[in-house]
């Protein structure tokens, strides 16, 4: 598994550094950090990714396998094809494993902050086991109430924008729906194929 993880990290680093100005770079999940940890079961390779939402299989199941609105299908497919174009032409990567589970929906930053805030609040009030919370530096642990947390301290207070109206992509057209391709674990380089 370690060798496979290291190969995936090389691919993900290429995605991150491949074409920073390319308009479709953001259609691929971004590796934020990678590191190794050693524990009782040996050494483990860890990858830290941006926070994303559900995969498309969740929508398929949520529609009771009846499908989602055609507008959403077209929007998703356009973005997946843009991502594949970036992978192939700018990075020299073939994904090889496109399926609903490997296409993830983007989540607004405000929603991420709220989820993190709820988790932190639950942890501080003994409602979340400590094994579920990372040991972040103290500067990242300032809680502002049960739903907001300062994940990225800046000068002064951080304003959290209200969430946009939440639409259900299984039954409603979602004009702002954004997806990203994930899981490059089976990907390969164009020149090795």
N, C-alpha and C. Protein backbone atom coordinates (compact mmCIF):
# COMPACT_ATOMS: atom_id res chain seq x y z
N UNK A 1 0.81 -1.21 0.00
CA UNK A 1 0.00 0.00 0.00
C UNK A 1 0.85 1.26 0.00
N UNK A 2 2.01 1.21 0.65
CA UNK A 2 2.86 2.39 0.74
C UNK A 2 3.32 2.84 -0.64
N UNK A 3 3.73 1.90 -1.47
CA UNK A 3 4.20 2.24 -2.81
C UNK A 3 3.06 2.84 -3.64
N UNK A 4 1.86 2.28 -3.52
CA UNK A 4 0.69 2.81 -4.23
C UNK A 4 0.39 4.23 -3.78
N UNK A 5 0.44 4.46 -2.47
CA UNK A 5 0.18 5.80 -1.93
C UNK A 5 1.23 6.79 -2.42
N UNK A 6 2.49 6.38 -2.45
CA UNK A 6 3.55 7.26 -2.93
C UNK A 6 3.37 7.61 -4.41
N UNK A 7 2.91 6.63 -5.20
CA UNK A 7 2.63 6.88 -6.61
C UNK A 7 1.48 7.89 -6.76
N UNK A 8 0.44 7.71 -5.95
CA UNK A 8 -0.70 8.64 -6.00
C UNK A 8 -0.26 10.05 -5.60
N UNK A 9 0.62 10.15 -4.61
CA UNK A 9 1.11 11.46 -4.18
C UNK A 9 1.87 12.14 -5.32
N UNK A 10 2.68 11.40 -6.05
CA UNK A 10 3.40 11.98 -7.20
C UNK A 10 2.41 12.53 -8.22
N UNK A 11 1.36 11.76 -8.49
CA UNK A 11 0.34 12.21 -9.45
C UNK A 11 -0.38 13.46 -8.94
N UNK A 12 -0.74 13.45 -7.66
CA UNK A 12 -1.46 14.59 -7.08
C UNK A 12 -0.60 15.84 -7.00
N UNK A 13 0.68 15.67 -6.77
CA UNK A 13 1.59 16.82 -6.78
C UNK A 13 1.68 17.42 -8.17
N UNK A 14 1.69 16.55 -9.18
CA UNK A 14 1.70 17.03 -10.55
C UNK A 14 0.42 17.81 -10.84
N UNK A 15 -0.72 17.31 -10.35
CA UNK A 15 -1.99 18.02 -10.54
C UNK A 15 -1.93 19.39 -9.89
N UNK A 16 -1.38 19.44 -8.68
CA UNK A 16 -1.30 20.71 -7.95
C UNK A 16 -0.36 21.70 -8.62
N UNK A 17 0.75 21.21 -9.14
CA UNK A 17 1.77 22.10 -9.69
C UNK A 17 1.73 22.21 -11.20
N UNK A 18 0.97 21.32 -11.84
CA UNK A 18 0.98 21.19 -13.29
C UNK A 18 0.63 22.42 -14.08
N UNK A 19 -0.42 23.07 -13.75
CA UNK A 19 -0.85 24.22 -14.52
C UNK A 19 -1.64 25.16 -13.64
N UNK A 20 -0.93 25.86 -12.77
CA UNK A 20 -1.59 26.70 -11.77
C UNK A 20 -2.54 27.73 -12.38
N UNK A 21 -2.29 28.11 -13.61
CA UNK A 21 -3.16 29.10 -14.25
C UNK A 21 -4.21 28.45 -15.14
N UNK A 22 -4.17 27.14 -15.27
CA UNK A 22 -5.13 26.44 -16.15
C UNK A 22 -6.54 26.59 -15.59
N UNK A 23 -7.48 26.92 -16.45
CA UNK A 23 -8.84 27.21 -16.00
C UNK A 23 -9.58 26.00 -15.43
N UNK A 24 -9.12 24.79 -15.71
CA UNK A 24 -9.84 23.61 -15.22
C UNK A 24 -9.06 22.83 -14.15
N UNK A 25 -7.99 23.42 -13.66
CA UNK A 25 -7.21 22.77 -12.60
C UNK A 25 -8.08 22.50 -11.37
N UNK A 26 -9.04 23.38 -11.12
CA UNK A 26 -9.89 23.24 -9.94
C UNK A 26 -10.96 22.16 -10.10
N UNK A 27 -10.94 21.42 -11.18
CA UNK A 27 -11.88 20.30 -11.36
C UNK A 27 -11.34 19.00 -10.79
N UNK A 28 -10.12 19.06 -10.25
CA UNK A 28 -9.48 17.89 -9.65
C UNK A 28 -9.26 18.18 -8.17
N UNK A 29 -9.51 17.18 -7.32
CA UNK A 29 -9.30 17.35 -5.89
C UNK A 29 -7.84 17.74 -5.65
N UNK A 30 -7.62 18.64 -4.69
CA UNK A 30 -6.28 19.14 -4.42
C UNK A 30 -5.69 18.49 -3.17
N UNK A 31 -4.49 17.96 -3.33
CA UNK A 31 -3.72 17.45 -2.20
C UNK A 31 -3.13 18.65 -1.48
N UNK A 32 -3.45 18.80 -0.20
CA UNK A 32 -2.94 19.94 0.57
C UNK A 32 -1.61 19.61 1.24
N UNK A 33 -1.48 18.37 1.68
CA UNK A 33 -0.27 17.98 2.42
C UNK A 33 -0.17 16.47 2.40
N UNK A 34 1.04 15.97 2.53
CA UNK A 34 1.25 14.54 2.74
C UNK A 34 2.37 14.37 3.74
N UNK A 35 2.30 13.31 4.51
CA UNK A 35 3.30 13.06 5.54
C UNK A 35 3.25 11.59 5.93
N UNK A 36 4.20 11.18 6.74
CA UNK A 36 4.27 9.80 7.23
C UNK A 36 4.16 9.81 8.74
N UNK A 37 3.49 8.81 9.26
CA UNK A 37 3.45 8.62 10.71
C UNK A 37 3.81 7.17 11.01
N UNK A 38 4.41 6.99 12.16
CA UNK A 38 4.79 5.66 12.58
C UNK A 38 4.01 5.31 13.83
N UNK A 39 3.42 4.14 13.83
CA UNK A 39 2.65 3.68 14.97
C UNK A 39 2.94 2.22 15.25
N UNK A 40 2.12 1.64 16.09
CA UNK A 40 2.33 0.23 16.47
C UNK A 40 2.20 -0.71 15.28
N UNK A 41 1.49 -0.29 14.26
CA UNK A 41 1.32 -1.14 13.07
C UNK A 41 2.24 -0.74 11.92
N UNK A 42 3.31 0.01 12.23
CA UNK A 42 4.28 0.38 11.22
C UNK A 42 4.12 1.81 10.75
N UNK A 43 4.72 2.08 9.60
CA UNK A 43 4.69 3.42 9.03
C UNK A 43 3.51 3.55 8.06
N UNK A 44 2.86 4.70 8.11
CA UNK A 44 1.70 4.96 7.26
C UNK A 44 1.91 6.25 6.49
N UNK A 45 1.52 6.22 5.22
CA UNK A 45 1.55 7.41 4.40
C UNK A 45 0.18 8.07 4.51
N UNK A 46 0.17 9.36 4.84
CA UNK A 46 -1.09 10.09 5.02
C UNK A 46 -1.19 11.21 3.99
N UNK A 47 -2.40 11.40 3.48
CA UNK A 47 -2.67 12.47 2.53
C UNK A 47 -3.80 13.33 3.08
N UNK A 48 -3.61 14.65 2.99
CA UNK A 48 -4.62 15.60 3.45
C UNK A 48 -5.18 16.30 2.22
N UNK A 49 -6.51 16.22 2.07
CA UNK A 49 -7.18 16.81 0.91
C UNK A 49 -8.08 17.96 1.35
N UNK A 50 -8.47 18.77 0.40
CA UNK A 50 -9.48 19.79 0.66
C UNK A 50 -10.78 19.11 1.06
N UNK A 51 -11.62 19.80 1.79
CA UNK A 51 -12.90 19.25 2.22
C UNK A 51 -13.87 19.29 1.06
N UNK A 52 -14.48 18.15 0.77
CA UNK A 52 -15.49 18.07 -0.27
C UNK A 52 -16.70 17.34 0.29
N UNK A 53 -17.79 17.38 -0.46
CA UNK A 53 -19.04 16.78 -0.01
C UNK A 53 -19.22 15.35 -0.49
N UNK A 54 -20.47 14.99 -0.68
CA UNK A 54 -20.84 13.64 -1.08
C UNK A 54 -20.32 13.31 -2.47
N UNK A 55 -20.23 12.02 -2.74
CA UNK A 55 -19.93 11.60 -4.10
C UNK A 55 -21.23 11.42 -4.88
N UNK A 56 -21.13 11.26 -6.18
CA UNK A 56 -22.33 11.18 -7.02
C UNK A 56 -23.16 9.94 -6.75
N UNK A 57 -22.56 8.89 -6.24
CA UNK A 57 -23.34 7.69 -5.92
C UNK A 57 -24.42 8.02 -4.89
N UNK A 58 -24.09 8.90 -3.96
CA UNK A 58 -25.07 9.33 -2.95
C UNK A 58 -26.29 9.96 -3.62
N UNK A 59 -26.07 10.74 -4.66
CA UNK A 59 -27.19 11.35 -5.39
C UNK A 59 -28.00 10.29 -6.13
N UNK A 60 -27.30 9.34 -6.72
CA UNK A 60 -27.98 8.27 -7.45
C UNK A 60 -28.88 7.49 -6.50
N UNK A 61 -28.34 7.15 -5.34
CA UNK A 61 -29.12 6.43 -4.34
C UNK A 61 -30.25 7.31 -3.83
N UNK A 62 -29.95 8.61 -3.61
CA UNK A 62 -30.96 9.55 -3.11
C UNK A 62 -32.13 9.73 -4.07
N UNK A 63 -31.88 9.50 -5.35
CA UNK A 63 -32.97 9.61 -6.33
C UNK A 63 -33.70 8.28 -6.49
N UNK A 64 -33.38 7.34 -5.61
CA UNK A 64 -33.95 5.99 -5.68
C UNK A 64 -33.65 5.35 -7.05
N UNK A 65 -32.45 5.64 -7.55
CA UNK A 65 -31.96 5.12 -8.83
C UNK A 65 -32.82 5.56 -10.01
N UNK A 66 -33.53 6.69 -9.86
CA UNK A 66 -34.37 7.22 -10.94
C UNK A 66 -33.65 8.28 -11.76
N UNK A 67 -32.48 8.70 -11.32
CA UNK A 67 -31.72 9.72 -12.04
C UNK A 67 -31.95 11.10 -11.45
N UNK A 68 -31.11 12.03 -11.88
CA UNK A 68 -31.21 13.41 -11.41
C UNK A 68 -31.58 14.30 -12.59
N UNK A 69 -32.01 15.54 -12.34
CA UNK A 69 -32.41 16.42 -13.45
C UNK A 69 -31.33 16.54 -14.53
N UNK A 70 -31.77 16.56 -15.78
CA UNK A 70 -30.85 16.62 -16.92
C UNK A 70 -29.91 17.82 -16.84
N UNK A 71 -30.39 18.96 -16.35
CA UNK A 71 -29.53 20.13 -16.21
C UNK A 71 -28.32 19.80 -15.33
N UNK A 72 -28.56 19.10 -14.22
CA UNK A 72 -27.47 18.74 -13.31
C UNK A 72 -26.53 17.73 -13.95
N UNK A 73 -27.09 16.77 -14.70
CA UNK A 73 -26.26 15.77 -15.38
C UNK A 73 -25.32 16.47 -16.36
N UNK A 74 -25.85 17.40 -17.14
CA UNK A 74 -25.03 18.13 -18.12
C UNK A 74 -23.94 18.95 -17.44
N UNK A 75 -24.30 19.60 -16.35
CA UNK A 75 -23.34 20.43 -15.60
C UNK A 75 -22.21 19.55 -15.03
N UNK A 76 -22.59 18.43 -14.45
CA UNK A 76 -21.60 17.51 -13.87
C UNK A 76 -20.70 16.94 -14.96
N UNK A 77 -21.28 16.47 -16.05
CA UNK A 77 -20.48 15.87 -17.11
C UNK A 77 -19.52 16.87 -17.75
N UNK A 78 -19.97 18.11 -17.93
CA UNK A 78 -19.10 19.14 -18.47
C UNK A 78 -17.88 19.33 -17.58
N UNK A 79 -18.11 19.41 -16.26
CA UNK A 79 -17.01 19.61 -15.33
C UNK A 79 -16.08 18.39 -15.26
N UNK A 80 -16.64 17.20 -15.32
CA UNK A 80 -15.81 15.99 -15.32
C UNK A 80 -14.94 15.96 -16.57
N UNK A 81 -15.52 16.27 -17.71
CA UNK A 81 -14.74 16.28 -18.96
C UNK A 81 -13.66 17.36 -18.92
N UNK A 82 -13.96 18.52 -18.33
CA UNK A 82 -12.95 19.57 -18.19
C UNK A 82 -11.81 19.07 -17.29
N UNK A 83 -12.16 18.38 -16.22
CA UNK A 83 -11.13 17.83 -15.33
C UNK A 83 -10.28 16.79 -16.02
N UNK A 84 -10.90 15.91 -16.78
CA UNK A 84 -10.15 14.89 -17.51
C UNK A 84 -9.24 15.53 -18.55
N UNK A 85 -9.71 16.58 -19.19
CA UNK A 85 -8.90 17.30 -20.16
C UNK A 85 -7.65 17.89 -19.48
N UNK A 86 -7.85 18.49 -18.30
CA UNK A 86 -6.71 19.04 -17.56
C UNK A 86 -5.72 17.93 -17.18
N UNK A 87 -6.26 16.83 -16.64
CA UNK A 87 -5.39 15.72 -16.26
C UNK A 87 -4.55 15.23 -17.43
N UNK A 88 -5.21 15.02 -18.56
CA UNK A 88 -4.53 14.43 -19.71
C UNK A 88 -3.59 15.40 -20.40
N UNK A 89 -4.10 16.57 -20.76
CA UNK A 89 -3.31 17.50 -21.58
C UNK A 89 -2.28 18.30 -20.78
N UNK A 90 -2.61 18.70 -19.56
CA UNK A 90 -1.68 19.54 -18.79
C UNK A 90 -0.78 18.74 -17.87
N UNK A 91 -1.27 17.59 -17.40
CA UNK A 91 -0.50 16.81 -16.43
C UNK A 91 0.05 15.51 -16.98
N UNK A 92 -0.47 15.06 -18.12
CA UNK A 92 -0.02 13.79 -18.68
C UNK A 92 -0.49 12.60 -17.86
N UNK A 93 -1.71 12.70 -17.31
CA UNK A 93 -2.26 11.65 -16.44
C UNK A 93 -3.54 11.09 -17.04
N UNK A 94 -3.68 9.76 -16.96
CA UNK A 94 -4.93 9.08 -17.32
C UNK A 94 -5.55 8.60 -16.02
N UNK A 95 -6.78 9.01 -15.72
CA UNK A 95 -7.43 8.66 -14.45
C UNK A 95 -7.70 7.16 -14.35
N UNK A 96 -8.26 6.55 -15.32
CA UNK A 96 -8.58 5.12 -15.46
C UNK A 96 -9.70 4.60 -14.57
N UNK A 97 -10.27 5.41 -13.68
CA UNK A 97 -11.28 4.88 -12.75
C UNK A 97 -12.41 5.88 -12.51
N UNK A 98 -12.92 6.48 -13.59
CA UNK A 98 -14.02 7.42 -13.44
C UNK A 98 -15.30 6.64 -13.17
N UNK A 99 -15.92 6.95 -12.06
CA UNK A 99 -17.19 6.33 -11.66
C UNK A 99 -17.84 7.28 -10.66
N UNK A 100 -19.13 7.11 -10.37
CA UNK A 100 -19.82 8.05 -9.48
C UNK A 100 -19.13 8.24 -8.13
N UNK A 101 -18.52 7.21 -7.58
CA UNK A 101 -17.87 7.33 -6.28
C UNK A 101 -16.64 8.23 -6.31
N UNK A 102 -16.08 8.45 -7.50
CA UNK A 102 -14.87 9.25 -7.62
C UNK A 102 -15.12 10.66 -8.13
N UNK A 103 -16.37 11.08 -8.12
CA UNK A 103 -16.73 12.45 -8.46
C UNK A 103 -17.43 13.02 -7.23
N UNK A 104 -16.80 14.04 -6.63
CA UNK A 104 -17.29 14.61 -5.38
C UNK A 104 -17.84 16.01 -5.58
N UNK A 105 -18.85 16.34 -4.80
CA UNK A 105 -19.49 17.65 -4.88
C UNK A 105 -18.75 18.64 -3.99
N UNK A 106 -18.54 19.84 -4.50
CA UNK A 106 -17.89 20.90 -3.72
C UNK A 106 -18.83 21.42 -2.65
N UNK A 107 -18.25 21.88 -1.55
CA UNK A 107 -19.00 22.40 -0.41
C UNK A 107 -18.54 23.83 -0.15
N UNK A 108 -19.49 24.72 0.13
CA UNK A 108 -19.15 26.12 0.43
C UNK A 108 -18.27 26.22 1.67
N UNK A 109 -17.41 27.20 1.69
CA UNK A 109 -16.53 27.41 2.83
C UNK A 109 -17.33 27.66 4.11
N UNK A 110 -18.43 28.39 4.01
CA UNK A 110 -19.26 28.65 5.19
C UNK A 110 -19.79 27.36 5.80
N UNK A 111 -20.15 26.43 4.96
CA UNK A 111 -20.66 25.14 5.46
C UNK A 111 -19.53 24.35 6.14
N UNK A 112 -18.36 24.39 5.55
CA UNK A 112 -17.21 23.70 6.13
C UNK A 112 -16.90 24.28 7.51
N UNK A 113 -16.90 25.60 7.60
CA UNK A 113 -16.63 26.25 8.89
C UNK A 113 -17.68 25.85 9.94
N UNK A 114 -18.92 25.77 9.51
CA UNK A 114 -19.98 25.38 10.46
C UNK A 114 -19.79 23.94 10.92
N UNK A 115 -19.47 23.04 9.99
CA UNK A 115 -19.24 21.63 10.37
C UNK A 115 -18.07 21.53 11.34
N UNK A 116 -17.00 22.26 11.06
CA UNK A 116 -15.83 22.24 11.94
C UNK A 116 -16.19 22.83 13.30
N UNK A 117 -16.98 23.88 13.29
CA UNK A 117 -17.40 24.50 14.55
C UNK A 117 -18.24 23.57 15.40
N UNK A 118 -19.16 22.89 14.77
CA UNK A 118 -20.01 21.92 15.50
C UNK A 118 -19.14 20.82 16.09
N UNK A 119 -18.21 20.30 15.29
CA UNK A 119 -17.32 19.24 15.78
C UNK A 119 -16.48 19.73 16.95
N UNK A 120 -15.93 20.95 16.84
CA UNK A 120 -15.11 21.49 17.93
C UNK A 120 -15.95 21.70 19.18
N UNK A 121 -17.14 22.25 19.01
CA UNK A 121 -18.03 22.49 20.15
C UNK A 121 -18.36 21.16 20.85
N UNK A 122 -18.69 20.15 20.06
CA UNK A 122 -19.00 18.83 20.64
C UNK A 122 -17.78 18.26 21.36
N UNK A 123 -16.61 18.45 20.79
CA UNK A 123 -15.40 17.95 21.44
C UNK A 123 -15.16 18.66 22.77
N UNK A 124 -15.28 19.99 22.77
CA UNK A 124 -15.05 20.76 23.99
C UNK A 124 -16.08 20.47 25.07
N UNK A 125 -17.26 20.00 24.68
CA UNK A 125 -18.32 19.70 25.64
C UNK A 125 -18.47 18.20 25.88
N UNK A 126 -17.45 17.44 25.51
CA UNK A 126 -17.43 16.01 25.80
C UNK A 126 -18.39 15.17 24.99
N UNK A 127 -18.91 15.72 23.90
CA UNK A 127 -19.85 14.96 23.08
C UNK A 127 -19.19 14.28 21.89
N UNK A 128 -17.90 14.49 21.72
CA UNK A 128 -17.18 13.90 20.60
C UNK A 128 -15.91 13.27 21.16
N UNK A 129 -15.68 11.99 20.89
CA UNK A 129 -14.47 11.34 21.42
C UNK A 129 -13.21 12.05 20.92
N UNK A 130 -12.20 12.13 21.76
CA UNK A 130 -10.97 12.82 21.39
C UNK A 130 -10.28 12.17 20.20
N UNK A 131 -10.54 10.88 19.97
CA UNK A 131 -9.91 10.21 18.82
C UNK A 131 -10.45 10.74 17.50
N UNK A 132 -11.56 11.48 17.52
CA UNK A 132 -12.16 12.03 16.29
C UNK A 132 -11.69 13.44 16.00
N UNK A 133 -10.83 14.00 16.83
CA UNK A 133 -10.40 15.38 16.67
C UNK A 133 -8.88 15.42 16.54
N UNK A 134 -8.40 16.12 15.50
CA UNK A 134 -6.96 16.27 15.31
C UNK A 134 -6.40 17.19 16.37
N UNK A 135 -5.14 17.01 16.68
CA UNK A 135 -4.46 17.88 17.64
C UNK A 135 -3.89 19.08 16.92
N UNK A 136 -4.76 20.03 16.60
CA UNK A 136 -4.34 21.24 15.90
C UNK A 136 -3.63 22.17 16.86
N UNK A 137 -2.75 23.03 16.34
CA UNK A 137 -2.12 24.03 17.21
C UNK A 137 -3.19 24.88 17.90
N UNK A 138 -2.88 25.37 19.09
CA UNK A 138 -3.85 26.12 19.90
C UNK A 138 -4.43 27.32 19.14
N UNK A 139 -3.65 27.96 18.28
CA UNK A 139 -4.15 29.14 17.56
C UNK A 139 -5.33 28.81 16.66
N UNK A 140 -5.54 27.52 16.32
CA UNK A 140 -6.65 27.13 15.46
C UNK A 140 -7.86 26.64 16.24
N UNK A 141 -7.82 26.70 17.55
CA UNK A 141 -8.88 26.12 18.35
C UNK A 141 -9.78 27.13 19.03
N UNK A 142 -9.79 28.38 18.61
CA UNK A 142 -10.64 29.39 19.23
C UNK A 142 -12.08 29.20 18.79
N UNK A 143 -12.93 28.88 19.72
CA UNK A 143 -14.34 28.64 19.40
C UNK A 143 -15.13 29.90 19.66
N UNK A 144 -16.08 30.22 18.79
CA UNK A 144 -16.89 31.42 18.90
C UNK A 144 -18.33 31.09 19.24
N UNK A 145 -18.61 29.94 19.71
CA UNK A 145 -20.00 29.55 19.96
C UNK A 145 -20.20 28.16 19.41
N UNK A 146 -21.41 27.68 19.47
CA UNK A 146 -21.62 26.30 19.07
C UNK A 146 -21.50 26.03 17.58
N UNK A 147 -21.46 27.05 16.73
CA UNK A 147 -21.47 26.76 15.30
C UNK A 147 -20.36 27.41 14.50
N UNK A 148 -19.57 28.27 15.09
CA UNK A 148 -18.51 28.92 14.33
C UNK A 148 -17.17 28.69 14.98
N UNK A 149 -16.16 28.47 14.17
CA UNK A 149 -14.82 28.29 14.70
C UNK A 149 -13.84 29.00 13.76
N UNK A 150 -12.80 29.56 14.33
CA UNK A 150 -11.77 30.22 13.55
C UNK A 150 -10.81 29.17 13.02
N UNK A 151 -11.03 28.70 11.81
CA UNK A 151 -10.10 27.72 11.24
C UNK A 151 -8.86 28.40 10.69
N UNK A 152 -9.04 29.61 10.18
CA UNK A 152 -7.94 30.34 9.57
C UNK A 152 -7.86 31.72 10.20
N UNK A 153 -7.13 31.85 11.31
CA UNK A 153 -7.07 33.14 12.00
C UNK A 153 -6.50 34.22 11.08
N UNK A 154 -7.12 35.38 11.13
CA UNK A 154 -6.65 36.52 10.36
C UNK A 154 -6.67 37.73 11.28
N UNK A 155 -6.33 38.89 10.73
CA UNK A 155 -6.41 40.11 11.53
C UNK A 155 -7.88 40.34 11.87
N UNK A 156 -8.19 40.49 13.10
CA UNK A 156 -9.56 40.78 13.50
C UNK A 156 -10.46 39.57 13.38
N UNK A 157 -11.73 39.82 13.28
CA UNK A 157 -12.72 38.75 13.25
C UNK A 157 -12.92 38.24 11.83
N UNK A 158 -13.23 36.95 11.72
CA UNK A 158 -13.52 36.34 10.44
C UNK A 158 -15.02 36.37 10.23
N UNK A 159 -15.45 36.93 9.13
CA UNK A 159 -16.87 36.97 8.83
C UNK A 159 -17.24 35.71 8.07
N UNK A 160 -18.22 35.00 8.54
CA UNK A 160 -18.71 33.81 7.85
C UNK A 160 -19.96 34.20 7.09
N UNK A 161 -19.92 34.01 5.79
CA UNK A 161 -21.07 34.36 4.97
C UNK A 161 -22.21 33.38 5.21
N UNK A 162 -23.44 33.85 5.11
CA UNK A 162 -24.55 32.91 5.24
C UNK A 162 -24.55 31.93 4.08
N UNK A 163 -24.99 30.71 4.35
CA UNK A 163 -25.06 29.70 3.30
C UNK A 163 -26.09 30.10 2.26
N UNK A 164 -25.78 29.78 1.00
CA UNK A 164 -26.75 30.00 -0.06
C UNK A 164 -27.91 29.03 0.16
N UNK A 165 -29.03 29.33 -0.46
CA UNK A 165 -30.17 28.42 -0.37
C UNK A 165 -29.72 27.04 -0.81
N UNK A 166 -29.98 26.06 0.00
CA UNK A 166 -29.57 24.69 -0.30
C UNK A 166 -30.59 24.03 -1.23
N UNK A 167 -30.12 23.58 -2.37
CA UNK A 167 -30.96 22.89 -3.33
C UNK A 167 -30.66 21.41 -3.29
N UNK A 168 -31.64 20.60 -3.60
CA UNK A 168 -31.47 19.15 -3.64
C UNK A 168 -31.19 18.74 -5.08
N UNK A 169 -29.93 18.37 -5.40
CA UNK A 169 -29.58 18.05 -6.79
C UNK A 169 -30.26 16.80 -7.33
N UNK A 170 -30.91 16.02 -6.47
CA UNK A 170 -31.60 14.83 -6.97
C UNK A 170 -32.96 15.19 -7.56
N UNK A 171 -33.49 16.37 -7.23
CA UNK A 171 -34.82 16.75 -7.74
C UNK A 171 -34.90 18.15 -8.30
N UNK A 172 -33.91 19.01 -8.03
CA UNK A 172 -33.96 20.41 -8.47
C UNK A 172 -32.77 20.74 -9.35
N UNK A 173 -32.98 21.63 -10.32
CA UNK A 173 -31.85 22.15 -11.09
C UNK A 173 -30.97 22.96 -10.15
N UNK A 174 -29.68 22.72 -10.19
CA UNK A 174 -28.73 23.41 -9.31
C UNK A 174 -27.71 24.14 -10.17
N UNK A 175 -27.96 25.40 -10.48
CA UNK A 175 -27.08 26.12 -11.41
C UNK A 175 -25.66 26.33 -10.89
N UNK A 176 -25.45 26.24 -9.59
CA UNK A 176 -24.12 26.47 -9.02
C UNK A 176 -23.43 25.18 -8.58
N UNK A 177 -23.95 24.05 -8.98
CA UNK A 177 -23.38 22.76 -8.60
C UNK A 177 -21.97 22.64 -9.18
N UNK A 178 -21.01 22.32 -8.33
CA UNK A 178 -19.63 22.11 -8.77
C UNK A 178 -19.14 20.78 -8.26
N UNK A 179 -18.39 20.08 -9.10
CA UNK A 179 -17.85 18.77 -8.73
C UNK A 179 -16.35 18.74 -9.02
N UNK A 180 -15.69 17.77 -8.39
CA UNK A 180 -14.27 17.55 -8.62
C UNK A 180 -14.02 16.05 -8.75
N UNK A 181 -13.07 15.73 -9.59
CA UNK A 181 -12.64 14.34 -9.75
C UNK A 181 -11.69 14.01 -8.61
N UNK A 182 -11.89 12.85 -8.01
CA UNK A 182 -11.04 12.42 -6.89
C UNK A 182 -10.48 11.02 -7.16
N UNK A 183 -9.65 10.57 -6.25
CA UNK A 183 -9.09 9.22 -6.23
C UNK A 183 -8.25 8.91 -7.46
N UNK A 184 -7.01 9.34 -7.40
CA UNK A 184 -6.07 9.04 -8.48
C UNK A 184 -5.24 7.79 -8.16
N UNK A 185 -5.76 6.95 -7.26
CA UNK A 185 -5.06 5.75 -6.84
C UNK A 185 -4.81 4.74 -7.94
N UNK A 186 -5.63 4.75 -8.98
CA UNK A 186 -5.45 3.83 -10.11
C UNK A 186 -4.97 4.56 -11.36
N UNK A 187 -4.69 5.85 -11.25
CA UNK A 187 -4.27 6.64 -12.41
C UNK A 187 -2.87 6.25 -12.84
N UNK A 188 -2.55 6.61 -14.07
CA UNK A 188 -1.21 6.35 -14.58
C UNK A 188 -0.77 7.50 -15.47
N UNK A 189 0.52 7.55 -15.75
CA UNK A 189 1.07 8.58 -16.63
C UNK A 189 0.77 8.20 -18.07
N UNK A 190 0.50 9.19 -18.89
CA UNK A 190 0.19 8.95 -20.31
C UNK A 190 1.31 8.17 -20.97
N UNK A 191 2.55 8.52 -20.69
CA UNK A 191 3.68 7.87 -21.35
C UNK A 191 3.96 6.46 -20.80
N UNK A 192 3.29 6.03 -19.75
CA UNK A 192 3.46 4.66 -19.23
C UNK A 192 2.33 3.75 -19.64
N UNK A 193 1.38 4.27 -20.38
CA UNK A 193 0.18 3.49 -20.73
C UNK A 193 0.37 2.79 -22.06
